[in-house]
Each structure stands twice: as C-alpha cells, then as structure tokens.
Amino acid sequence: MSSRITKLANVIIPVADQDRAVEFYIEKLGLEKRLELPFGPDFRWIEVAPTGADTSIALCPPGPDVTPGGKQTGISLQVDDADAYHAELKARGVDVDEEVGRFGDAVPPTFWLRDHEGNVLQVIEIPGLDVPLPSHMTEQADTSPERHSAGARGGQGRGAGPHADLEASGPAPRPRPWQ
C-alpha cells in the first residue's frame, strides 16, 4: 500500500439536474459517460470524460451548503483545433466566448464555455498529441500485460484502478509545441 497520491481520480461539478448535465456533456461537448452508480438513497454518481482520458468529470448533486451552477470549475479541456471545436459548439448552441482568444506565441489558443447551469470550463488547443482510442472502439484490443505496464508507457502505468476496463493504452504524450 502506498501513502502517496498516484493520480488525479476525477474533478467534480455539482449540478442541480444530472440528466440535463449528462445530455449537455455528452451531446453538446462530445464526452462519453464512463460510470453511473447509486450514490446514497436518492442520488447518483455519474462520470463523463473525453475518449481515452484518465481523469473524469463527476456530475454530482450538490453537497450540504453547496449551490449548484455558476461555478468557475478550473477544468481545461484539450483539443487539437480550438477554432474548429469553437465553431462546432457554437453550431450546437453552446454558450461559448465570442471568439477564440490568442495571447501571443507563448500561449496556445483558448476559449471558455458555459454549461446549461452556467458552470465555466476552458478549452485549450494543444495540437498534434496522439490520443488513443479506448479498447471498445478498436477492432481488437491489445490486452497484453506488456501493453499496460509502466515500462511500455514510459513510466505511466495504466490498467489498474476502478476504471481499468475503460482506460486505453497508447503512446506517452509528446512535449507541448510551445515549451
């Protein structure tokens, strides 16, 4: 047993209407539902994430003394082409900034969006990173232990944890172009 933090499990957005939240994050943003479980007697624990992502977004009922909606989530979603995704979201009726922000060569293109309850997320362009498909989307998944070992991932082991069957293996991320 390790006493150190090994990864970021999920980030939480408290929402008033989980069904509308799931619809927004899947239909409008293009994420996938990873998990839905009973959460206490009257609630559900729901996680959504981009295909192949390690960390998910939990769309949960608000805790005691928490008002849902209107939160600056601190969540940043990575895309290959901010302009194209901005146009897609606008066409789907998502509340996005008027235009993609450009702050010079040292900062990648970015914009902010607001979900149906006014929660704010950032979208940032980080082009050219290989994003593996999850095994359920490939014809035949490579489930060999070597493929999921830390050595095969350049020190980034996967294949363990509560969502191991949903995690995809693939190449280690390349350096960001502006670094």
N, C-alpha and C. Protein backbone atom coordinates (compact mmCIF):
# COMPACT_ATOMS: atom_id res chain seq x y z
N MET A 1 0.84 -1.19 0.00
CA MET A 1 0.00 0.00 0.00
C MET A 1 0.88 1.24 0.00
N SER A 2 0.53 2.20 -0.81
CA SER A 2 1.29 3.43 -0.92
C SER A 2 0.56 4.56 -0.20
N SER A 3 1.32 5.41 0.43
CA SER A 3 0.72 6.56 1.10
C SER A 3 0.84 7.82 0.27
N ARG A 4 1.25 7.69 -0.98
CA ARG A 4 1.38 8.86 -1.84
C ARG A 4 0.23 8.92 -2.84
N ILE A 5 -0.05 10.08 -3.35
CA ILE A 5 -1.07 10.25 -4.38
C ILE A 5 -0.51 9.69 -5.68
N THR A 6 -1.28 8.87 -6.35
CA THR A 6 -0.79 8.23 -7.57
C THR A 6 -1.38 8.81 -8.85
N LYS A 7 -2.56 9.43 -8.77
CA LYS A 7 -3.14 10.08 -9.95
C LYS A 7 -4.33 10.92 -9.53
N LEU A 8 -4.79 11.75 -10.43
CA LEU A 8 -5.99 12.54 -10.22
C LEU A 8 -7.19 11.68 -10.62
N ALA A 9 -8.04 11.34 -9.66
CA ALA A 9 -9.15 10.43 -9.92
C ALA A 9 -10.25 11.09 -10.75
N ASN A 10 -10.75 12.23 -10.30
CA ASN A 10 -11.79 12.95 -11.04
C ASN A 10 -11.91 14.37 -10.48
N VAL A 11 -12.62 15.17 -11.22
CA VAL A 11 -12.98 16.51 -10.76
C VAL A 11 -14.50 16.54 -10.68
N ILE A 12 -15.04 17.34 -9.78
CA ILE A 12 -16.47 17.30 -9.52
C ILE A 12 -17.12 18.63 -9.87
N ILE A 13 -18.24 18.53 -10.57
CA ILE A 13 -19.08 19.69 -10.83
C ILE A 13 -20.43 19.41 -10.16
N PRO A 14 -20.80 20.18 -9.14
CA PRO A 14 -22.11 19.99 -8.55
C PRO A 14 -23.19 20.54 -9.49
N VAL A 15 -24.19 19.69 -9.80
CA VAL A 15 -25.24 20.10 -10.73
C VAL A 15 -26.62 19.87 -10.10
N ALA A 16 -27.57 20.69 -10.47
CA ALA A 16 -28.93 20.56 -9.95
C ALA A 16 -29.71 19.49 -10.71
N ASP A 17 -29.45 19.34 -12.01
CA ASP A 17 -30.18 18.40 -12.85
C ASP A 17 -29.18 17.48 -13.55
N GLN A 18 -28.99 16.29 -12.98
CA GLN A 18 -27.99 15.37 -13.52
C GLN A 18 -28.35 14.89 -14.93
N ASP A 19 -29.61 14.68 -15.22
CA ASP A 19 -30.00 14.21 -16.55
C ASP A 19 -29.66 15.25 -17.62
N ARG A 20 -29.98 16.50 -17.34
CA ARG A 20 -29.63 17.58 -18.29
C ARG A 20 -28.12 17.73 -18.40
N ALA A 21 -27.40 17.56 -17.29
CA ALA A 21 -25.94 17.67 -17.31
C ALA A 21 -25.33 16.58 -18.19
N VAL A 22 -25.79 15.34 -18.02
CA VAL A 22 -25.28 14.24 -18.84
C VAL A 22 -25.57 14.52 -20.31
N GLU A 23 -26.77 14.95 -20.62
CA GLU A 23 -27.12 15.28 -22.00
C GLU A 23 -26.19 16.36 -22.56
N PHE A 24 -25.95 17.42 -21.78
CA PHE A 24 -25.08 18.50 -22.24
C PHE A 24 -23.65 18.01 -22.49
N TYR A 25 -23.07 17.32 -21.52
CA TYR A 25 -21.67 16.93 -21.63
C TYR A 25 -21.44 15.86 -22.68
N ILE A 26 -22.45 15.04 -22.95
CA ILE A 26 -22.31 14.01 -23.99
C ILE A 26 -22.71 14.56 -25.35
N GLU A 27 -23.92 15.11 -25.45
CA GLU A 27 -24.44 15.55 -26.75
C GLU A 27 -23.80 16.84 -27.25
N LYS A 28 -23.59 17.78 -26.37
CA LYS A 28 -23.05 19.08 -26.80
C LYS A 28 -21.52 19.09 -26.85
N LEU A 29 -20.87 18.55 -25.80
CA LEU A 29 -19.40 18.60 -25.76
C LEU A 29 -18.74 17.38 -26.39
N GLY A 30 -19.46 16.27 -26.51
CA GLY A 30 -18.90 15.09 -27.14
C GLY A 30 -18.14 14.16 -26.20
N LEU A 31 -18.39 14.29 -24.90
CA LEU A 31 -17.75 13.38 -23.94
C LEU A 31 -18.52 12.07 -23.91
N GLU A 32 -17.98 11.07 -23.22
CA GLU A 32 -18.67 9.80 -23.07
C GLU A 32 -18.98 9.55 -21.60
N LYS A 33 -20.12 8.86 -21.36
CA LYS A 33 -20.45 8.51 -19.98
C LYS A 33 -19.60 7.30 -19.60
N ARG A 34 -18.87 7.43 -18.49
CA ARG A 34 -17.99 6.37 -18.03
C ARG A 34 -18.62 5.53 -16.93
N LEU A 35 -19.44 6.16 -16.09
CA LEU A 35 -19.91 5.48 -14.90
C LEU A 35 -21.19 6.12 -14.41
N GLU A 36 -22.11 5.29 -13.94
CA GLU A 36 -23.31 5.79 -13.26
C GLU A 36 -23.67 4.76 -12.19
N LEU A 37 -23.64 5.20 -10.93
CA LEU A 37 -23.91 4.33 -9.79
C LEU A 37 -24.83 5.03 -8.81
N PRO A 38 -25.61 4.27 -8.03
CA PRO A 38 -26.38 4.89 -6.95
C PRO A 38 -25.42 5.55 -5.97
N PHE A 39 -25.82 6.70 -5.46
CA PHE A 39 -24.99 7.48 -4.54
C PHE A 39 -25.88 7.86 -3.37
N GLY A 40 -25.89 7.01 -2.36
CA GLY A 40 -26.81 7.22 -1.26
C GLY A 40 -28.21 6.80 -1.68
N PRO A 41 -29.18 7.09 -0.86
CA PRO A 41 -30.53 6.60 -1.15
C PRO A 41 -31.22 7.32 -2.31
N ASP A 42 -30.87 8.57 -2.58
CA ASP A 42 -31.64 9.35 -3.56
C ASP A 42 -30.81 9.94 -4.69
N PHE A 43 -29.52 9.65 -4.75
CA PHE A 43 -28.65 10.32 -5.71
C PHE A 43 -27.91 9.33 -6.59
N ARG A 44 -27.21 9.88 -7.60
CA ARG A 44 -26.38 9.07 -8.50
C ARG A 44 -25.00 9.70 -8.59
N TRP A 45 -23.99 8.85 -8.75
CA TRP A 45 -22.62 9.29 -9.04
C TRP A 45 -22.44 9.03 -10.53
N ILE A 46 -22.23 10.10 -11.30
CA ILE A 46 -22.11 9.99 -12.76
C ILE A 46 -20.78 10.60 -13.18
N GLU A 47 -20.03 9.87 -13.99
CA GLU A 47 -18.76 10.37 -14.52
C GLU A 47 -18.80 10.40 -16.04
N VAL A 48 -18.28 11.49 -16.60
CA VAL A 48 -18.11 11.65 -18.05
C VAL A 48 -16.66 12.02 -18.29
N ALA A 49 -16.19 11.76 -19.51
CA ALA A 49 -14.80 12.07 -19.84
C ALA A 49 -14.60 12.07 -21.34
N PRO A 50 -13.54 12.73 -21.80
CA PRO A 50 -13.18 12.57 -23.21
C PRO A 50 -12.73 11.13 -23.46
N THR A 51 -12.93 10.64 -24.66
CA THR A 51 -12.49 9.31 -25.02
C THR A 51 -10.99 9.17 -24.74
N GLY A 52 -10.63 8.12 -24.01
CA GLY A 52 -9.23 7.84 -23.73
C GLY A 52 -8.63 8.58 -22.56
N ALA A 53 -9.38 9.47 -21.92
CA ALA A 53 -8.84 10.27 -20.82
C ALA A 53 -8.74 9.44 -19.54
N ASP A 54 -7.74 9.74 -18.73
CA ASP A 54 -7.58 9.09 -17.43
C ASP A 54 -8.51 9.69 -16.39
N THR A 55 -8.65 11.00 -16.40
CA THR A 55 -9.42 11.70 -15.38
C THR A 55 -10.81 12.02 -15.90
N SER A 56 -11.81 11.79 -15.06
CA SER A 56 -13.18 12.04 -15.46
C SER A 56 -13.76 13.23 -14.72
N ILE A 57 -14.90 13.69 -15.22
CA ILE A 57 -15.66 14.76 -14.57
C ILE A 57 -16.87 14.10 -13.93
N ALA A 58 -17.01 14.26 -12.62
CA ALA A 58 -18.16 13.72 -11.90
C ALA A 58 -19.24 14.79 -11.86
N LEU A 59 -20.43 14.45 -12.34
CA LEU A 59 -21.58 15.34 -12.35
C LEU A 59 -22.48 14.91 -11.20
N CYS A 60 -22.30 15.54 -10.06
CA CYS A 60 -22.92 15.08 -8.82
C CYS A 60 -23.90 16.09 -8.26
N PRO A 61 -24.84 15.59 -7.46
CA PRO A 61 -25.72 16.53 -6.76
C PRO A 61 -24.89 17.37 -5.79
N PRO A 62 -25.31 18.57 -5.52
CA PRO A 62 -24.54 19.42 -4.62
C PRO A 62 -24.55 18.87 -3.19
N GLY A 63 -23.44 19.05 -2.52
CA GLY A 63 -23.36 18.65 -1.12
C GLY A 63 -24.07 19.66 -0.24
N PRO A 64 -24.04 19.41 1.07
CA PRO A 64 -24.67 20.35 2.01
C PRO A 64 -24.06 21.74 1.87
N ASP A 65 -24.90 22.73 1.90
CA ASP A 65 -24.47 24.13 1.82
C ASP A 65 -23.77 24.48 0.52
N VAL A 66 -23.99 23.71 -0.56
CA VAL A 66 -23.40 24.00 -1.86
C VAL A 66 -24.52 24.34 -2.83
N THR A 67 -24.39 25.46 -3.49
CA THR A 67 -25.35 25.87 -4.51
C THR A 67 -24.81 25.44 -5.87
N PRO A 68 -25.56 24.65 -6.63
CA PRO A 68 -25.06 24.23 -7.93
C PRO A 68 -25.13 25.37 -8.95
N GLY A 69 -24.32 25.25 -9.99
CA GLY A 69 -24.34 26.21 -11.09
C GLY A 69 -23.50 27.44 -10.83
N GLY A 70 -23.11 28.06 -11.93
CA GLY A 70 -22.35 29.30 -11.86
C GLY A 70 -20.96 29.16 -11.28
N LYS A 71 -20.37 27.97 -11.38
CA LYS A 71 -19.04 27.73 -10.81
C LYS A 71 -17.95 27.93 -11.85
N GLN A 72 -16.85 28.51 -11.45
CA GLN A 72 -15.62 28.51 -12.24
C GLN A 72 -14.96 27.18 -11.90
N THR A 73 -15.07 26.19 -12.80
CA THR A 73 -14.67 24.83 -12.48
C THR A 73 -13.16 24.62 -12.42
N GLY A 74 -12.42 25.44 -13.15
CA GLY A 74 -10.98 25.21 -13.24
C GLY A 74 -10.64 24.06 -14.17
N ILE A 75 -11.63 23.54 -14.87
CA ILE A 75 -11.41 22.42 -15.78
C ILE A 75 -11.00 22.96 -17.15
N SER A 76 -9.95 22.37 -17.70
CA SER A 76 -9.45 22.74 -19.01
C SER A 76 -9.54 21.53 -19.93
N LEU A 77 -10.26 21.67 -21.03
CA LEU A 77 -10.44 20.60 -22.00
C LEU A 77 -9.49 20.81 -23.16
N GLN A 78 -8.76 19.78 -23.54
CA GLN A 78 -7.76 19.87 -24.60
C GLN A 78 -8.34 19.46 -25.94
N VAL A 79 -8.07 20.27 -26.98
CA VAL A 79 -8.48 19.95 -28.35
C VAL A 79 -7.30 20.17 -29.29
N ASP A 80 -7.38 19.55 -30.47
CA ASP A 80 -6.34 19.75 -31.49
C ASP A 80 -6.53 21.05 -32.25
N ASP A 81 -7.78 21.49 -32.38
CA ASP A 81 -8.09 22.68 -33.18
C ASP A 81 -9.18 23.49 -32.47
N ALA A 82 -8.77 24.53 -31.76
CA ALA A 82 -9.71 25.34 -30.98
C ALA A 82 -10.73 26.04 -31.87
N ASP A 83 -10.31 26.52 -33.02
CA ASP A 83 -11.24 27.21 -33.92
C ASP A 83 -12.35 26.28 -34.40
N ALA A 84 -11.99 25.07 -34.81
CA ALA A 84 -12.98 24.11 -35.30
C ALA A 84 -13.94 23.69 -34.18
N TYR A 85 -13.41 23.42 -32.98
CA TYR A 85 -14.27 23.00 -31.88
C TYR A 85 -15.18 24.15 -31.44
N HIS A 86 -14.64 25.37 -31.43
CA HIS A 86 -15.43 26.56 -31.09
C HIS A 86 -16.62 26.68 -32.05
N ALA A 87 -16.36 26.50 -33.36
CA ALA A 87 -17.42 26.58 -34.37
C ALA A 87 -18.45 25.46 -34.17
N GLU A 88 -17.99 24.24 -33.85
CA GLU A 88 -18.91 23.12 -33.60
C GLU A 88 -19.82 23.42 -32.41
N LEU A 89 -19.22 23.89 -31.33
CA LEU A 89 -20.02 24.18 -30.14
C LEU A 89 -21.02 25.30 -30.39
N LYS A 90 -20.58 26.32 -31.10
CA LYS A 90 -21.49 27.43 -31.43
C LYS A 90 -22.67 26.91 -32.24
N ALA A 91 -22.40 26.02 -33.20
CA ALA A 91 -23.46 25.45 -34.04
C ALA A 91 -24.42 24.58 -33.22
N ARG A 92 -23.93 24.00 -32.13
CA ARG A 92 -24.76 23.17 -31.25
C ARG A 92 -25.49 24.00 -30.20
N GLY A 93 -25.30 25.32 -30.24
CA GLY A 93 -25.99 26.20 -29.31
C GLY A 93 -25.35 26.32 -27.94
N VAL A 94 -24.08 25.95 -27.82
CA VAL A 94 -23.37 26.06 -26.54
C VAL A 94 -22.96 27.52 -26.32
N ASP A 95 -23.06 27.97 -25.09
CA ASP A 95 -22.64 29.32 -24.71
C ASP A 95 -21.11 29.35 -24.66
N VAL A 96 -20.50 29.89 -25.71
CA VAL A 96 -19.05 29.99 -25.80
C VAL A 96 -18.65 31.46 -25.93
N ASP A 97 -17.39 31.75 -25.64
CA ASP A 97 -16.89 33.10 -25.87
C ASP A 97 -17.12 33.49 -27.32
N GLU A 98 -17.21 34.78 -27.56
CA GLU A 98 -17.45 35.30 -28.91
C GLU A 98 -16.42 34.76 -29.91
N GLU A 99 -15.17 34.68 -29.48
CA GLU A 99 -14.11 34.19 -30.37
C GLU A 99 -13.04 33.48 -29.56
N VAL A 100 -12.18 32.76 -30.28
CA VAL A 100 -11.05 32.07 -29.66
C VAL A 100 -10.02 33.11 -29.29
N GLY A 101 -9.53 33.05 -28.07
CA GLY A 101 -8.52 34.00 -27.61
C GLY A 101 -7.12 33.61 -28.05
N ARG A 102 -6.37 34.62 -28.46
CA ARG A 102 -4.97 34.43 -28.85
C ARG A 102 -4.16 35.46 -28.08
N PHE A 103 -3.21 34.95 -27.29
CA PHE A 103 -2.46 35.82 -26.39
C PHE A 103 -0.97 35.79 -26.68
N GLY A 104 -0.59 35.56 -27.93
CA GLY A 104 0.81 35.53 -28.31
C GLY A 104 1.31 34.11 -28.49
N ASP A 105 2.53 33.99 -29.02
CA ASP A 105 3.10 32.69 -29.34
C ASP A 105 3.31 31.79 -28.12
N ALA A 106 3.52 32.36 -26.97
CA ALA A 106 3.80 31.56 -25.77
C ALA A 106 2.55 30.91 -25.18
N VAL A 107 1.37 31.35 -25.60
CA VAL A 107 0.12 30.84 -25.04
C VAL A 107 -0.72 30.22 -26.16
N PRO A 108 -1.16 28.99 -25.98
CA PRO A 108 -1.97 28.37 -27.03
C PRO A 108 -3.36 29.01 -27.13
N PRO A 109 -4.02 28.89 -28.29
CA PRO A 109 -5.37 29.41 -28.45
C PRO A 109 -6.32 28.79 -27.41
N THR A 110 -7.23 29.60 -26.89
CA THR A 110 -8.12 29.15 -25.83
C THR A 110 -9.44 29.91 -25.87
N PHE A 111 -10.48 29.28 -25.32
CA PHE A 111 -11.76 29.97 -25.11
C PHE A 111 -12.47 29.31 -23.94
N TRP A 112 -13.51 29.96 -23.46
CA TRP A 112 -14.29 29.44 -22.34
C TRP A 112 -15.70 29.13 -22.82
N LEU A 113 -16.30 28.13 -22.18
CA LEU A 113 -17.69 27.79 -22.45
C LEU A 113 -18.43 27.68 -21.12
N ARG A 114 -19.73 27.79 -21.20
CA ARG A 114 -20.58 27.66 -20.03
C ARG A 114 -21.59 26.56 -20.28
N ASP A 115 -21.76 25.67 -19.30
CA ASP A 115 -22.75 24.61 -19.47
C ASP A 115 -24.15 25.15 -19.20
N HIS A 116 -25.14 24.30 -19.24
CA HIS A 116 -26.54 24.67 -19.09
C HIS A 116 -26.87 25.28 -17.73
N GLU A 117 -25.99 25.10 -16.72
CA GLU A 117 -26.19 25.69 -15.40
C GLU A 117 -25.22 26.83 -15.12
N GLY A 118 -24.48 27.25 -16.15
CA GLY A 118 -23.57 28.38 -16.00
C GLY A 118 -22.20 28.04 -15.44
N ASN A 119 -21.85 26.74 -15.37
CA ASN A 119 -20.52 26.35 -14.93
C ASN A 119 -19.53 26.60 -16.07
N VAL A 120 -18.38 27.16 -15.74
CA VAL A 120 -17.42 27.60 -16.75
C VAL A 120 -16.28 26.59 -16.89
N LEU A 121 -15.98 26.23 -18.15
CA LEU A 121 -14.85 25.36 -18.47
C LEU A 121 -14.02 26.04 -19.54
N GLN A 122 -12.74 25.76 -19.55
CA GLN A 122 -11.82 26.30 -20.54
C GLN A 122 -11.55 25.25 -21.61
N VAL A 123 -11.37 25.69 -22.84
CA VAL A 123 -10.93 24.83 -23.93
C VAL A 123 -9.60 25.39 -24.41
N ILE A 124 -8.61 24.51 -24.54
CA ILE A 124 -7.28 24.94 -24.93
C ILE A 124 -6.77 24.06 -26.06
N GLU A 125 -6.15 24.67 -27.05
CA GLU A 125 -5.62 23.95 -28.20
C GLU A 125 -4.21 23.47 -27.90
N ILE A 126 -4.06 22.15 -27.96
CA ILE A 126 -2.74 21.54 -27.85
C ILE A 126 -2.66 20.54 -28.99
N PRO A 127 -2.21 20.99 -30.17
CA PRO A 127 -2.29 20.15 -31.36
C PRO A 127 -1.25 19.04 -31.39
N GLY A 128 -1.59 18.02 -32.19
CA GLY A 128 -0.61 17.00 -32.53
C GLY A 128 -0.33 15.94 -31.51
N LEU A 129 -1.07 15.88 -30.42
CA LEU A 129 -0.84 14.81 -29.45
C LEU A 129 -1.64 13.59 -29.88
N ASP A 130 -1.01 12.44 -29.82
CA ASP A 130 -1.70 11.21 -30.16
C ASP A 130 -2.64 10.84 -29.02
N VAL A 131 -3.91 10.68 -29.34
CA VAL A 131 -4.90 10.28 -28.35
C VAL A 131 -5.40 8.90 -28.73
N PRO A 132 -5.11 7.88 -27.92
CA PRO A 132 -5.52 6.53 -28.28
C PRO A 132 -7.03 6.34 -28.12
N LEU A 133 -7.58 5.46 -28.94
CA LEU A 133 -8.99 5.10 -28.80
C LEU A 133 -9.14 4.08 -27.69
N PRO A 134 -10.25 4.13 -26.96
CA PRO A 134 -10.47 3.10 -25.94
C PRO A 134 -10.66 1.75 -26.61
N SER A 135 -10.38 0.69 -25.90
CA SER A 135 -10.41 -0.65 -26.48
C SER A 135 -11.76 -1.01 -27.08
N HIS A 136 -12.86 -0.51 -26.51
CA HIS A 136 -14.17 -0.87 -27.06
C HIS A 136 -14.43 -0.24 -28.43
N MET A 137 -13.55 0.68 -28.87
CA MET A 137 -13.74 1.33 -30.16
C MET A 137 -12.77 0.79 -31.21
N THR A 138 -11.91 -0.13 -30.85
CA THR A 138 -10.98 -0.72 -31.81
C THR A 138 -11.46 -2.11 -32.15
N GLU A 139 -11.03 -2.63 -33.30
CA GLU A 139 -11.49 -3.95 -33.72
C GLU A 139 -11.04 -5.04 -32.75
N GLN A 140 -9.78 -4.99 -32.36
CA GLN A 140 -9.27 -5.99 -31.43
C GLN A 140 -8.32 -5.29 -30.48
N ALA A 141 -8.68 -5.26 -29.21
CA ALA A 141 -7.87 -4.58 -28.21
C ALA A 141 -6.66 -5.42 -27.86
N ASP A 142 -5.53 -4.76 -27.67
CA ASP A 142 -4.32 -5.43 -27.19
C ASP A 142 -4.36 -5.38 -25.67
N THR A 143 -4.63 -6.51 -25.06
CA THR A 143 -4.75 -6.55 -23.61
C THR A 143 -3.53 -7.20 -22.96
N SER A 144 -2.46 -7.30 -23.71
CA SER A 144 -1.28 -7.95 -23.15
C SER A 144 -0.75 -7.15 -21.98
N PRO A 145 -0.17 -7.85 -20.97
CA PRO A 145 0.36 -7.15 -19.80
C PRO A 145 1.43 -6.13 -20.17
N GLU A 146 2.21 -6.43 -21.22
CA GLU A 146 3.27 -5.51 -21.62
C GLU A 146 2.70 -4.17 -22.08
N ARG A 147 1.55 -4.22 -22.74
CA ARG A 147 0.91 -3.01 -23.26
C ARG A 147 0.44 -2.11 -22.12
N HIS A 148 0.10 -2.70 -20.98
CA HIS A 148 -0.42 -1.94 -19.85
C HIS A 148 0.61 -1.69 -18.77
N SER A 149 1.83 -2.12 -18.98
CA SER A 149 2.84 -1.96 -17.93
C SER A 149 3.43 -0.57 -17.96
N ALA A 150 4.00 -0.16 -16.84
CA ALA A 150 4.62 1.16 -16.75
C ALA A 150 5.77 1.28 -17.72
N GLY A 151 6.51 0.19 -17.94
CA GLY A 151 7.65 0.24 -18.85
C GLY A 151 7.22 0.52 -20.27
N ALA A 152 6.10 -0.06 -20.69
CA ALA A 152 5.61 0.15 -22.04
C ALA A 152 5.02 1.54 -22.22
N ARG A 153 4.74 2.22 -21.13
CA ARG A 153 4.14 3.56 -21.21
C ARG A 153 5.14 4.64 -20.83
N GLY A 154 6.40 4.31 -20.80
CA GLY A 154 7.36 5.33 -20.44
C GLY A 154 7.18 5.78 -19.00
N GLY A 155 6.82 4.85 -18.09
CA GLY A 155 6.68 5.21 -16.68
C GLY A 155 5.27 5.62 -16.30
N GLN A 156 4.34 5.60 -17.26
CA GLN A 156 2.97 5.99 -16.96
C GLN A 156 2.09 4.76 -17.01
N GLY A 157 2.14 3.94 -15.99
CA GLY A 157 1.38 2.69 -15.98
C GLY A 157 -0.11 2.93 -15.97
N ARG A 158 -0.84 2.04 -16.63
CA ARG A 158 -2.29 2.07 -16.65
C ARG A 158 -2.78 0.65 -16.52
N GLY A 159 -4.06 0.51 -16.51
CA GLY A 159 -4.63 -0.81 -16.50
C GLY A 159 -5.00 -1.26 -15.10
N ALA A 160 -4.96 -0.37 -14.12
CA ALA A 160 -5.36 -0.71 -12.77
C ALA A 160 -6.32 0.34 -12.28
N GLY A 161 -7.05 0.04 -11.26
CA GLY A 161 -7.96 1.02 -10.69
C GLY A 161 -9.40 0.71 -11.05
N PRO A 162 -10.32 1.53 -10.56
CA PRO A 162 -11.74 1.23 -10.71
C PRO A 162 -12.24 1.29 -12.14
N HIS A 163 -11.54 1.98 -13.03
CA HIS A 163 -11.99 2.11 -14.41
C HIS A 163 -11.00 1.48 -15.38
N ALA A 164 -10.29 0.45 -14.93
CA ALA A 164 -9.24 -0.16 -15.75
C ALA A 164 -9.78 -0.63 -17.09
N ASP A 165 -10.98 -1.18 -17.11
CA ASP A 165 -11.52 -1.68 -18.36
C ASP A 165 -11.88 -0.56 -19.32
N LEU A 166 -11.94 0.68 -18.85
CA LEU A 166 -12.28 1.81 -19.72
C LEU A 166 -11.05 2.58 -20.16
N GLU A 167 -9.92 2.31 -19.54
CA GLU A 167 -8.71 3.05 -19.85
C GLU A 167 -8.09 2.50 -21.12
N ALA A 168 -7.55 3.38 -21.95
CA ALA A 168 -6.89 2.97 -23.17
C ALA A 168 -5.39 3.11 -23.00
N SER A 169 -4.67 2.23 -23.61
CA SER A 169 -3.22 2.37 -23.57
C SER A 169 -2.78 3.01 -24.87
N GLY A 170 -1.62 3.58 -24.86
CA GLY A 170 -1.13 4.23 -26.06
C GLY A 170 0.19 4.90 -25.80
N PRO A 171 0.67 5.65 -26.78
CA PRO A 171 1.97 6.28 -26.63
C PRO A 171 1.95 7.36 -25.56
N ALA A 172 3.11 7.58 -24.96
CA ALA A 172 3.24 8.64 -23.96
C ALA A 172 3.06 9.98 -24.65
N PRO A 173 2.49 10.97 -23.96
CA PRO A 173 2.29 12.29 -24.56
C PRO A 173 3.61 12.91 -25.01
N ARG A 174 3.53 13.61 -26.13
CA ARG A 174 4.71 14.33 -26.62
C ARG A 174 4.78 15.70 -25.97
N PRO A 175 5.96 16.33 -25.99
CA PRO A 175 6.06 17.67 -25.41
C PRO A 175 5.13 18.64 -26.13
N ARG A 176 4.63 19.60 -25.40
CA ARG A 176 3.76 20.61 -25.99
C ARG A 176 4.59 21.52 -26.90
N PRO A 177 4.02 21.95 -28.02
CA PRO A 177 4.79 22.71 -29.02
C PRO A 177 5.32 24.04 -28.53
N TRP A 178 4.70 24.65 -27.53
CA TRP A 178 5.16 25.96 -27.10
C TRP A 178 6.18 25.89 -25.97
N GLN A 179 6.59 24.69 -25.56
CA GLN A 179 7.56 24.58 -24.47
C GLN A 179 8.95 24.42 -25.02
